Amino acid sequence: MKRVASNLVGAVIEAWQEVRIHKTRVMLSLIGVAVAVCAITTVVGLGAVAQQATIEQSERSGGRAASLYLSASMNDGSTPIGMPEIWRTALDRYQIEYASRVVNTSQTVQFADGAVPVQTIGVDPPYGTMHRVTLEEGTWFTDADQNRLAPAVLINSIFWDRLGRPDLRTHPTTTLVGERTTTAVVTGVYPSLSWETEPAMYMLADALTAISPVVTDPNLQQFGPPAYELWVPIDVSEQLVTALQRDVQGALGSDAFVQVNRQDYAAYQNGDPYLSLKLTVGAIAGLVLLLGALGLVNIALVTLKQRIREIGIRRSFGATAGRVFFAVMMESVVATVVAGIVGVIAAVLIVKSPLVEDFISQGQVTDFPPFPVEAAILGLVCATVVGALAGLIPALVAVRVKVIDAIRY
């Protein structure tokens, strides 16, 4: 075992010395290999960032995997009485930590230029984590906000602009006009979506219900009964869908219509959406690797002709054909591995560059993934395979050289 390890280390050192001697000749080919390895590794690394951006954007709209949506209404369209108690009982029974009511309604807000109806979503504090809500200013709802005398509201940037973009540290307020006029405190600002043109806001569901009680009469409802969301482990999501459907339907009776389904991105998306892009760029990088390998083969063959006499002398002193074959092949392998390491380092610097991360994520990523280890391994494996293939032909030629002819060369 020691002898094998010693021979391997010796061959690697010898190959490195030969690469250093002929470094000018192999430099151009190794540049091509390094660029190709960098391209392959960068594609895989950027693909991870782009995929995370897509996932987070989907989670903002549909919730994290797995998000269950529960809706319940009576057959006449009215809101079921006692649903809040049934909801809390289900959460306690199945020990669900992340859950939120979602109440879609509209509140009339008094601006300086008049009163305007504003789309309002009533939620519970876990909703922010479940939907990855990001804020430009301020903080998301906390349990302490439940006890405010003046309800807290989170407004979008369009709303904030209409208020004159006040400093949140001054605790700016806004007036909600209705049956009972209410003063609300602005505690946070979230970015408006690209297609949004009107102000919108979030409120805590309990605070929203307190100032505008849920209407049970379907003829008076504007947006229908509240919905209920749950973020649960993926591996138990199907069982929970069945259990929640059974429990809520049983509690409300046959006069109610209960629906539980999963609507997060993972329930509808299979595979990698960036697979075609990765394969295309990977194919181009593979061609670059092939060209680099051909260049290495040519240089290795030219170099081998100049070393024929050296190889003959080594064979005459007892070097086996296997040793000569391995030594010649290792020269290409060592060279391409070094080029691969350089390419991987360059790829890491590119992918983790703040400018590249901002460009790829477009502000949609909050949890940047680490540089994928599989990308670095893939780059080094490609470099090693290219080196082995590039060194195969010269190594076979070296083994076929006759000792006496080589010494006379």
Protein backbone atom coordinates (compact mmCIF):
# COMPACT_ATOMS: atom_id res chain seq x y z
CA MET A 1 0.00 0.00 0.00
CA LYS A 2 2.82 2.38 0.90
CA ARG A 3 4.57 1.57 -2.36
CA VAL A 4 1.45 2.35 -4.38
CA ALA A 5 0.98 5.65 -2.53
CA SER A 6 4.64 6.50 -3.00
CA ASN A 7 4.47 5.78 -6.72
CA LEU A 8 1.31 7.88 -7.04
CA VAL A 9 2.80 10.85 -5.22
CA GLY A 10 6.00 10.55 -7.21
CA ALA A 11 4.09 10.47 -10.49
CA VAL A 12 2.09 13.56 -9.53
CA ILE A 13 5.24 15.48 -8.53
CA GLU A 14 6.99 14.43 -11.72
CA ALA A 15 3.98 15.45 -13.80
CA TRP A 16 3.88 18.85 -12.10
CA GLN A 17 7.55 19.40 -12.86
CA GLU A 18 6.96 18.62 -16.52
CA VAL A 19 4.00 21.02 -16.59
CA ARG A 20 6.20 23.75 -15.13
CA ILE A 21 8.89 23.10 -17.74
CA HIS A 22 6.40 23.29 -20.62
CA LYS A 23 4.13 25.89 -19.02
CA THR A 24 4.33 28.29 -21.95
CA ARG A 25 3.09 25.63 -24.38
CA VAL A 26 0.19 24.42 -22.25
CA MET A 27 -0.92 27.82 -20.99
CA LEU A 28 -3.30 28.66 -23.85
CA SER A 29 -4.99 25.27 -23.74
CA LEU A 30 -5.33 25.43 -19.97
CA ILE A 31 -6.93 28.86 -20.24
CA GLY A 32 -9.64 27.32 -22.40
CA VAL A 33 -10.14 24.52 -19.87
CA ALA A 34 -10.27 26.98 -16.96
CA VAL A 35 -12.82 29.15 -18.78
CA ALA A 36 -15.00 26.14 -19.58
CA VAL A 37 -14.85 24.85 -16.00
CA CYS A 38 -15.67 28.34 -14.76
CA ALA A 39 -18.65 28.48 -17.14
CA ILE A 40 -20.06 25.12 -16.05
CA THR A 41 -19.56 25.85 -12.36
CA THR A 42 -21.00 29.36 -12.67
CA VAL A 43 -24.11 28.10 -14.46
CA VAL A 44 -24.85 25.62 -11.68
CA GLY A 45 -24.14 28.23 -8.99
CA LEU A 46 -26.25 30.95 -10.60
CA GLY A 47 -28.97 28.41 -11.24
CA ALA A 48 -29.22 27.83 -7.48
CA VAL A 49 -29.61 31.59 -6.85
CA ALA A 50 -32.14 32.00 -9.68
CA GLN A 51 -34.10 28.98 -8.46
CA GLN A 52 -34.18 30.40 -4.94
CA ALA A 53 -35.47 33.71 -6.35
CA THR A 54 -38.25 31.89 -8.19
CA ILE A 55 -39.16 29.88 -5.10
CA GLU A 56 -39.29 32.93 -2.83
CA GLN A 57 -41.37 34.88 -5.34
CA SER A 58 -43.81 31.97 -5.53
CA GLU A 59 -43.89 31.70 -1.74
CA ARG A 60 -44.85 35.36 -1.43
CA SER A 61 -48.01 34.76 -3.43
CA GLY A 62 -48.90 31.14 -2.69
CA GLY A 63 -47.13 30.45 0.60
CA ARG A 64 -44.32 28.10 1.50
CA ALA A 65 -44.41 24.40 0.78
CA ALA A 66 -46.67 22.96 1.97
CA SER A 67 -49.39 25.59 2.47
CA LEU A 68 -52.95 24.39 3.00
CA TYR A 69 -55.95 26.60 2.31
CA LEU A 70 -59.19 25.99 4.18
CA SER A 71 -62.43 27.70 3.26
CA ALA A 72 -65.83 27.10 4.82
CA SER A 73 -69.27 28.52 4.06
CA MET A 74 -72.84 27.47 4.50
CA ASN A 75 -74.69 26.17 1.46
CA ASP A 76 -76.59 29.46 1.27
CA GLY A 77 -73.28 31.37 1.08
CA SER A 78 -73.31 32.73 4.64
CA THR A 79 -70.36 32.61 7.04
CA PRO A 80 -70.46 29.60 9.43
CA ILE A 81 -71.09 30.53 13.05
CA GLY A 82 -68.46 29.14 15.42
CA MET A 83 -65.77 28.78 12.80
CA PRO A 84 -63.11 30.63 14.87
CA GLU A 85 -63.46 28.08 17.69
CA ILE A 86 -63.34 25.17 15.23
CA TRP A 87 -60.18 26.69 13.70
CA ARG A 88 -58.40 27.07 17.04
CA THR A 89 -59.35 23.55 18.05
CA ALA A 90 -57.87 22.14 14.82
CA LEU A 91 -54.61 24.06 15.34
CA ASP A 92 -54.27 22.73 18.89
CA ARG A 93 -55.16 19.17 17.89
CA TYR A 94 -52.58 18.93 15.14
CA GLN A 95 -50.01 21.22 16.83
CA ILE A 96 -49.75 23.57 13.86
CA GLU A 97 -47.48 26.52 14.65
CA TYR A 98 -47.80 28.60 11.49
CA ALA A 99 -51.40 29.44 10.62
CA SER A 100 -53.29 32.57 9.72
CA ARG A 101 -56.75 33.78 8.95
CA VAL A 102 -57.02 35.78 5.74
CA VAL A 103 -59.82 38.32 5.49
CA ASN A 104 -60.10 40.25 2.23
CA THR A 105 -62.10 43.42 2.50
CA SER A 106 -61.92 47.15 1.85
CA GLN A 107 -61.52 50.08 4.22
CA THR A 108 -62.17 53.72 3.40
CA VAL A 109 -59.08 55.76 4.21
CA GLN A 110 -59.06 59.53 4.56
CA PHE A 111 -56.21 61.08 2.56
CA ALA A 112 -55.44 64.76 2.18
CA ASP A 113 -57.18 64.79 -1.22
CA GLY A 114 -60.24 62.84 -0.13
CA ALA A 115 -61.50 59.51 1.16
CA VAL A 116 -60.52 56.47 -0.91
CA PRO A 117 -61.48 52.77 -0.56
CA VAL A 118 -58.28 50.78 0.09
CA GLN A 119 -57.88 47.04 -0.36
CA THR A 120 -57.28 45.58 3.09
CA ILE A 121 -56.12 42.11 4.08
CA GLY A 122 -56.65 40.96 7.65
CA VAL A 123 -54.05 38.41 8.79
CA ASP A 124 -52.43 36.91 11.86
CA PRO A 125 -48.72 37.48 12.74
CA PRO A 126 -47.49 34.12 11.27
CA TYR A 127 -48.67 35.24 7.81
CA GLY A 128 -45.50 37.31 7.33
CA THR A 129 -43.26 34.27 7.74
CA MET A 130 -45.56 32.03 5.72
CA HIS A 131 -45.49 34.41 2.74
CA ARG A 132 -41.99 35.86 3.15
CA VAL A 133 -43.34 39.39 3.37
CA THR A 134 -40.45 41.86 3.11
CA LEU A 135 -40.68 45.44 4.33
CA GLU A 136 -39.00 48.60 3.09
CA GLU A 137 -39.49 50.27 6.46
CA GLY A 138 -40.64 49.19 9.90
CA THR A 139 -41.40 45.70 11.18
CA TRP A 140 -44.01 43.02 10.60
CA PHE A 141 -46.81 42.42 13.08
CA THR A 142 -45.96 40.92 16.46
CA ASP A 143 -48.14 39.50 19.23
CA ALA A 144 -47.72 42.82 21.06
CA ASP A 145 -49.64 44.58 18.27
CA GLN A 146 -52.74 42.61 19.27
CA ASN A 147 -53.04 44.77 22.40
CA ARG A 148 -52.79 48.18 20.73
CA LEU A 149 -55.63 50.59 21.38
CA ALA A 150 -55.00 52.09 17.94
CA PRO A 151 -54.70 49.24 15.40
CA ALA A 152 -51.41 48.81 13.57
CA VAL A 153 -51.40 48.81 9.78
CA LEU A 154 -48.74 47.88 7.23
CA ILE A 155 -49.12 49.90 4.04
CA ASN A 156 -47.68 49.55 0.56
CA SER A 157 -45.32 52.13 -0.91
CA ILE A 158 -48.13 53.73 -2.95
CA PHE A 159 -50.06 54.34 0.27
CA TRP A 160 -46.88 55.70 1.87
CA ASP A 161 -46.33 58.11 -1.01
CA ARG A 162 -49.86 59.47 -0.61
CA LEU A 163 -49.14 60.11 3.06
CA GLY A 164 -46.01 62.06 2.10
CA ARG A 165 -43.57 59.29 3.15
CA PRO A 166 -43.49 60.22 6.87
CA ASP A 167 -40.75 58.90 9.14
CA LEU A 168 -42.11 55.79 10.87
CA ARG A 169 -40.20 56.74 14.00
CA THR A 170 -42.72 59.55 14.45
CA HIS A 171 -45.55 56.97 14.60
CA PRO A 172 -47.60 58.39 11.72
CA THR A 173 -51.33 57.69 11.72
CA THR A 174 -54.07 57.32 9.15
CA THR A 175 -57.83 57.63 9.53
CA LEU A 176 -60.15 54.74 8.65
CA VAL A 177 -63.63 56.01 7.87
CA GLY A 178 -66.66 53.81 8.49
CA GLU A 179 -69.49 53.22 10.89
CA ARG A 180 -66.93 53.97 13.55
CA THR A 181 -64.04 56.21 12.53
CA THR A 182 -60.74 54.70 13.68
CA THR A 183 -57.21 56.07 13.88
CA ALA A 184 -54.60 53.49 12.87
CA VAL A 185 -50.83 53.64 13.39
CA VAL A 186 -48.53 52.93 10.45
CA THR A 187 -45.85 50.50 11.67
CA GLY A 188 -44.39 49.29 8.37
CA VAL A 189 -44.17 49.77 4.62
CA TYR A 190 -43.91 46.95 2.09
CA PRO A 191 -42.96 47.40 -1.60
CA SER A 192 -45.76 47.62 -4.13
CA LEU A 193 -45.84 45.06 -6.88
CA SER A 194 -45.01 46.22 -10.41
CA TRP A 195 -48.65 46.07 -11.55
CA GLU A 196 -50.12 47.77 -8.46
CA THR A 197 -51.40 51.32 -8.92
CA GLU A 198 -53.59 51.76 -5.84
CA PRO A 199 -52.86 51.90 -2.10
CA ALA A 200 -53.27 48.71 -0.07
CA MET A 201 -52.63 47.63 3.49
CA TYR A 202 -52.48 44.75 5.99
CA MET A 203 -54.20 44.71 9.36
CA LEU A 204 -54.40 42.13 12.09
CA ALA A 205 -57.52 40.03 11.61
CA ASP A 206 -58.81 40.68 15.14
CA ALA A 207 -58.36 44.44 14.77
CA LEU A 208 -60.07 44.39 11.38
CA THR A 209 -62.99 42.41 12.77
CA ALA A 210 -63.28 44.81 15.69
CA ILE A 211 -63.75 47.88 13.48
CA SER A 212 -65.78 46.10 10.79
CA PRO A 213 -67.42 42.92 12.12
CA VAL A 214 -67.71 40.00 9.72
CA VAL A 215 -71.09 40.05 7.99
CA THR A 216 -72.80 36.65 7.95
CA ASP A 217 -75.55 37.62 5.54
CA PRO A 218 -74.37 36.61 2.04
CA ASN A 219 -76.37 39.44 0.48
CA LEU A 220 -74.32 42.00 2.42
CA GLN A 221 -70.90 40.36 2.08
CA GLN A 222 -68.51 42.10 -0.26
CA PHE A 223 -65.65 39.61 -0.37
CA GLY A 224 -67.09 36.45 1.17
CA PRO A 225 -66.13 34.58 4.35
CA PRO A 226 -62.53 34.53 5.61
CA ALA A 227 -60.08 31.87 4.45
CA TYR A 228 -57.63 29.98 6.64
CA GLU A 229 -54.03 29.14 5.78
CA LEU A 230 -51.66 26.63 7.36
CA TRP A 231 -47.98 25.96 6.74
CA VAL A 232 -47.28 22.31 7.47
CA PRO A 233 -44.52 19.76 6.72
CA ILE A 234 -44.73 18.41 3.19
CA ASP A 235 -44.60 14.77 4.27
CA VAL A 236 -47.83 15.06 6.31
CA SER A 237 -49.66 17.56 4.10
CA GLU A 238 -51.88 14.97 2.38
CA GLN A 239 -52.93 13.42 5.68
CA LEU A 240 -53.72 16.85 7.14
CA VAL A 241 -55.84 17.77 4.11
CA THR A 242 -58.01 14.71 4.73
CA ALA A 243 -58.11 15.21 8.51
CA LEU A 244 -59.01 18.90 8.37
CA GLN A 245 -61.68 18.28 5.75
CA ARG A 246 -63.22 15.58 7.95
CA ASP A 247 -63.01 17.52 11.22
CA VAL A 248 -64.35 20.86 9.97
CA GLN A 249 -67.09 19.25 7.91
CA GLY A 250 -68.14 17.17 10.89
CA ALA A 251 -68.20 20.20 13.19
CA LEU A 252 -70.26 22.35 10.78
CA GLY A 253 -72.61 19.65 9.59
CA SER A 254 -73.99 18.75 6.20
CA ASP A 255 -75.36 22.26 5.60
CA ALA A 256 -71.80 23.59 5.18
CA PHE A 257 -69.42 23.46 2.27
CA VAL A 258 -65.81 22.87 3.36
CA GLN A 259 -62.82 22.76 1.07
CA VAL A 260 -59.19 22.08 2.00
CA ASN A 261 -56.50 22.06 -0.67
CA ARG A 262 -52.87 22.82 -1.23
CA GLN A 263 -52.00 25.80 -3.41
CA ASP A 264 -48.28 26.47 -2.92
CA TYR A 265 -45.89 26.38 -5.90
CA ALA A 266 -44.52 22.91 -5.08
CA ALA A 267 -47.96 21.36 -5.52
CA TYR A 268 -47.98 22.24 -9.23
CA GLN A 269 -44.33 22.51 -10.25
CA ASN A 270 -42.19 19.52 -11.14
CA GLY A 271 -38.51 19.65 -12.00
CA ASP A 272 -36.13 22.56 -12.40
CA PRO A 273 -37.53 25.50 -14.41
CA TYR A 274 -33.97 26.49 -15.34
CA LEU A 275 -32.98 23.04 -16.57
CA SER A 276 -33.08 24.01 -20.27
CA LEU A 277 -30.87 27.05 -19.65
CA LYS A 278 -28.41 24.99 -17.63
CA LEU A 279 -28.24 22.32 -20.34
CA THR A 280 -27.71 24.92 -23.09
CA VAL A 281 -24.90 26.76 -21.34
CA GLY A 282 -23.48 23.45 -20.13
CA ALA A 283 -23.36 22.17 -23.72
CA ILE A 284 -21.51 25.29 -24.82
CA ALA A 285 -19.06 24.91 -21.96
CA GLY A 286 -18.63 21.26 -22.92
CA LEU A 287 -17.61 22.30 -26.44
CA VAL A 288 -15.07 24.70 -24.95
CA LEU A 289 -13.75 21.85 -22.81
CA LEU A 290 -13.47 19.66 -25.89
CA LEU A 291 -11.51 22.32 -27.75
CA GLY A 292 -9.24 22.71 -24.75
CA ALA A 293 -8.72 18.96 -24.65
CA LEU A 294 -7.80 18.86 -28.35
CA GLY A 295 -5.29 21.63 -27.78
CA LEU A 296 -3.77 19.70 -24.90
CA VAL A 297 -3.53 16.56 -27.06
CA ASN A 298 -1.65 18.42 -29.78
CA ILE A 299 0.73 20.06 -27.35
CA ALA A 300 1.28 16.79 -25.50
CA LEU A 301 2.12 14.97 -28.77
CA VAL A 302 4.57 17.69 -29.82
CA THR A 303 6.17 17.63 -26.40
CA LEU A 304 6.33 13.85 -26.46
CA LYS A 305 8.42 13.85 -29.66
CA GLN A 306 11.00 15.98 -27.89
CA ARG A 307 11.05 13.54 -24.97
CA ILE A 308 11.42 10.30 -26.96
CA ARG A 309 15.09 9.91 -26.03
CA GLU A 310 14.29 10.61 -22.36
CA ILE A 311 11.55 7.96 -22.36
CA GLY A 312 13.87 5.43 -24.03
CA ILE A 313 16.54 5.99 -21.38
CA ARG A 314 14.00 5.57 -18.59
CA ARG A 315 12.76 2.33 -20.14
CA SER A 316 16.34 1.05 -20.45
CA PHE A 317 16.85 1.63 -16.73
CA GLY A 318 13.82 -0.50 -15.86
CA ALA A 319 10.83 1.83 -16.05
CA THR A 320 7.79 -0.29 -16.87
CA ALA A 321 5.34 0.51 -19.63
CA GLY A 322 2.68 1.12 -16.99
CA ARG A 323 4.85 3.65 -15.18
CA VAL A 324 5.59 5.53 -18.42
CA PHE A 325 1.90 5.43 -19.42
CA PHE A 326 0.79 6.74 -16.03
CA ALA A 327 3.46 9.46 -15.92
CA VAL A 328 2.58 10.85 -19.36
CA MET A 329 -1.15 10.78 -18.65
CA MET A 330 -0.72 12.43 -15.26
CA GLU A 331 0.94 15.43 -16.88
CA SER A 332 -2.34 16.30 -18.61
CA VAL A 333 -4.43 15.42 -15.57
CA VAL A 334 -2.39 17.56 -13.19
CA ALA A 335 -2.45 20.47 -15.62
CA THR A 336 -6.23 20.35 -16.12
CA VAL A 337 -6.92 19.88 -12.41
CA VAL A 338 -4.94 23.04 -11.69
CA ALA A 339 -6.90 24.81 -14.42
CA GLY A 340 -10.12 23.41 -12.92
CA ILE A 341 -9.26 24.74 -9.47
CA VAL A 342 -8.64 28.18 -10.98
CA GLY A 343 -11.96 27.96 -12.85
CA VAL A 344 -13.89 26.93 -9.72
CA ILE A 345 -12.36 29.77 -7.68
CA ALA A 346 -13.31 32.23 -10.41
CA ALA A 347 -16.85 30.83 -10.48
CA VAL A 348 -17.23 31.21 -6.72
CA LEU A 349 -16.06 34.83 -6.89
CA ILE A 350 -18.50 35.53 -9.73
CA VAL A 351 -21.55 33.85 -8.18
CA LYS A 352 -21.04 35.31 -4.69
CA SER A 353 -20.32 38.80 -6.03
CA PRO A 354 -22.89 41.24 -4.57
CA LEU A 355 -23.44 42.78 -8.02
CA VAL A 356 -24.23 39.40 -9.60
CA GLU A 357 -26.45 38.33 -6.70
CA ASP A 358 -28.45 41.57 -6.91
CA PHE A 359 -28.79 41.25 -10.69
CA ILE A 360 -29.96 37.64 -10.58
CA SER A 361 -32.26 38.00 -7.59
CA GLN A 362 -33.77 41.36 -8.61
CA GLY A 363 -34.41 42.03 -4.93
CA GLN A 364 -36.53 38.86 -4.65
CA VAL A 365 -34.13 36.74 -2.56
CA THR A 366 -33.80 37.07 1.20
CA ASP A 367 -32.14 33.70 1.92
CA PHE A 368 -29.23 33.47 -0.50
CA PRO A 369 -28.15 29.85 -0.85
CA PRO A 370 -24.48 29.01 -0.25
CA PHE A 371 -22.36 28.21 -3.25
CA PRO A 372 -23.40 24.65 -4.17
CA VAL A 373 -20.70 22.11 -3.39
CA GLU A 374 -21.94 19.94 -6.26
CA ALA A 375 -21.07 22.76 -8.68
CA ALA A 376 -17.45 22.82 -7.50
CA ILE A 377 -17.23 19.03 -7.61
CA LEU A 378 -18.71 19.00 -11.11
CA GLY A 379 -16.12 21.50 -12.30
CA LEU A 380 -13.21 19.53 -10.87
CA VAL A 381 -14.56 16.23 -12.24
CA CYS A 382 -14.91 17.76 -15.71
CA ALA A 383 -11.35 19.08 -15.54
CA THR A 384 -10.03 15.68 -14.43
CA VAL A 385 -11.91 13.80 -17.16
CA VAL A 386 -10.67 16.22 -19.82
CA GLY A 387 -7.11 15.78 -18.58
CA ALA A 388 -7.40 11.99 -18.64
CA LEU A 389 -8.83 12.00 -22.16
CA ALA A 390 -6.24 14.49 -23.38
CA GLY A 391 -3.41 12.43 -21.91
CA LEU A 392 -4.64 9.06 -23.15
CA ILE A 393 -3.36 9.30 -26.74
CA PRO A 394 0.12 10.67 -25.85
CA ALA A 395 0.43 8.00 -23.15
CA LEU A 396 -0.39 5.22 -25.61
CA VAL A 397 2.17 6.63 -28.07
CA ALA A 398 4.82 6.75 -25.34
CA VAL A 399 4.22 3.10 -24.40
CA ARG A 400 4.55 1.95 -28.04
CA VAL A 401 7.99 3.56 -28.44
CA LYS A 402 10.72 0.93 -28.78
CA VAL A 403 13.60 1.42 -26.38
CA ILE A 404 16.40 1.07 -28.94
CA ASP A 405 14.70 3.42 -31.42
CA ALA A 406 14.03 5.94 -28.69
CA ILE A 407 17.69 6.01 -27.59
CA ARG A 408 18.84 6.51 -31.17
CA TYR A 409 16.31 9.33 -31.72
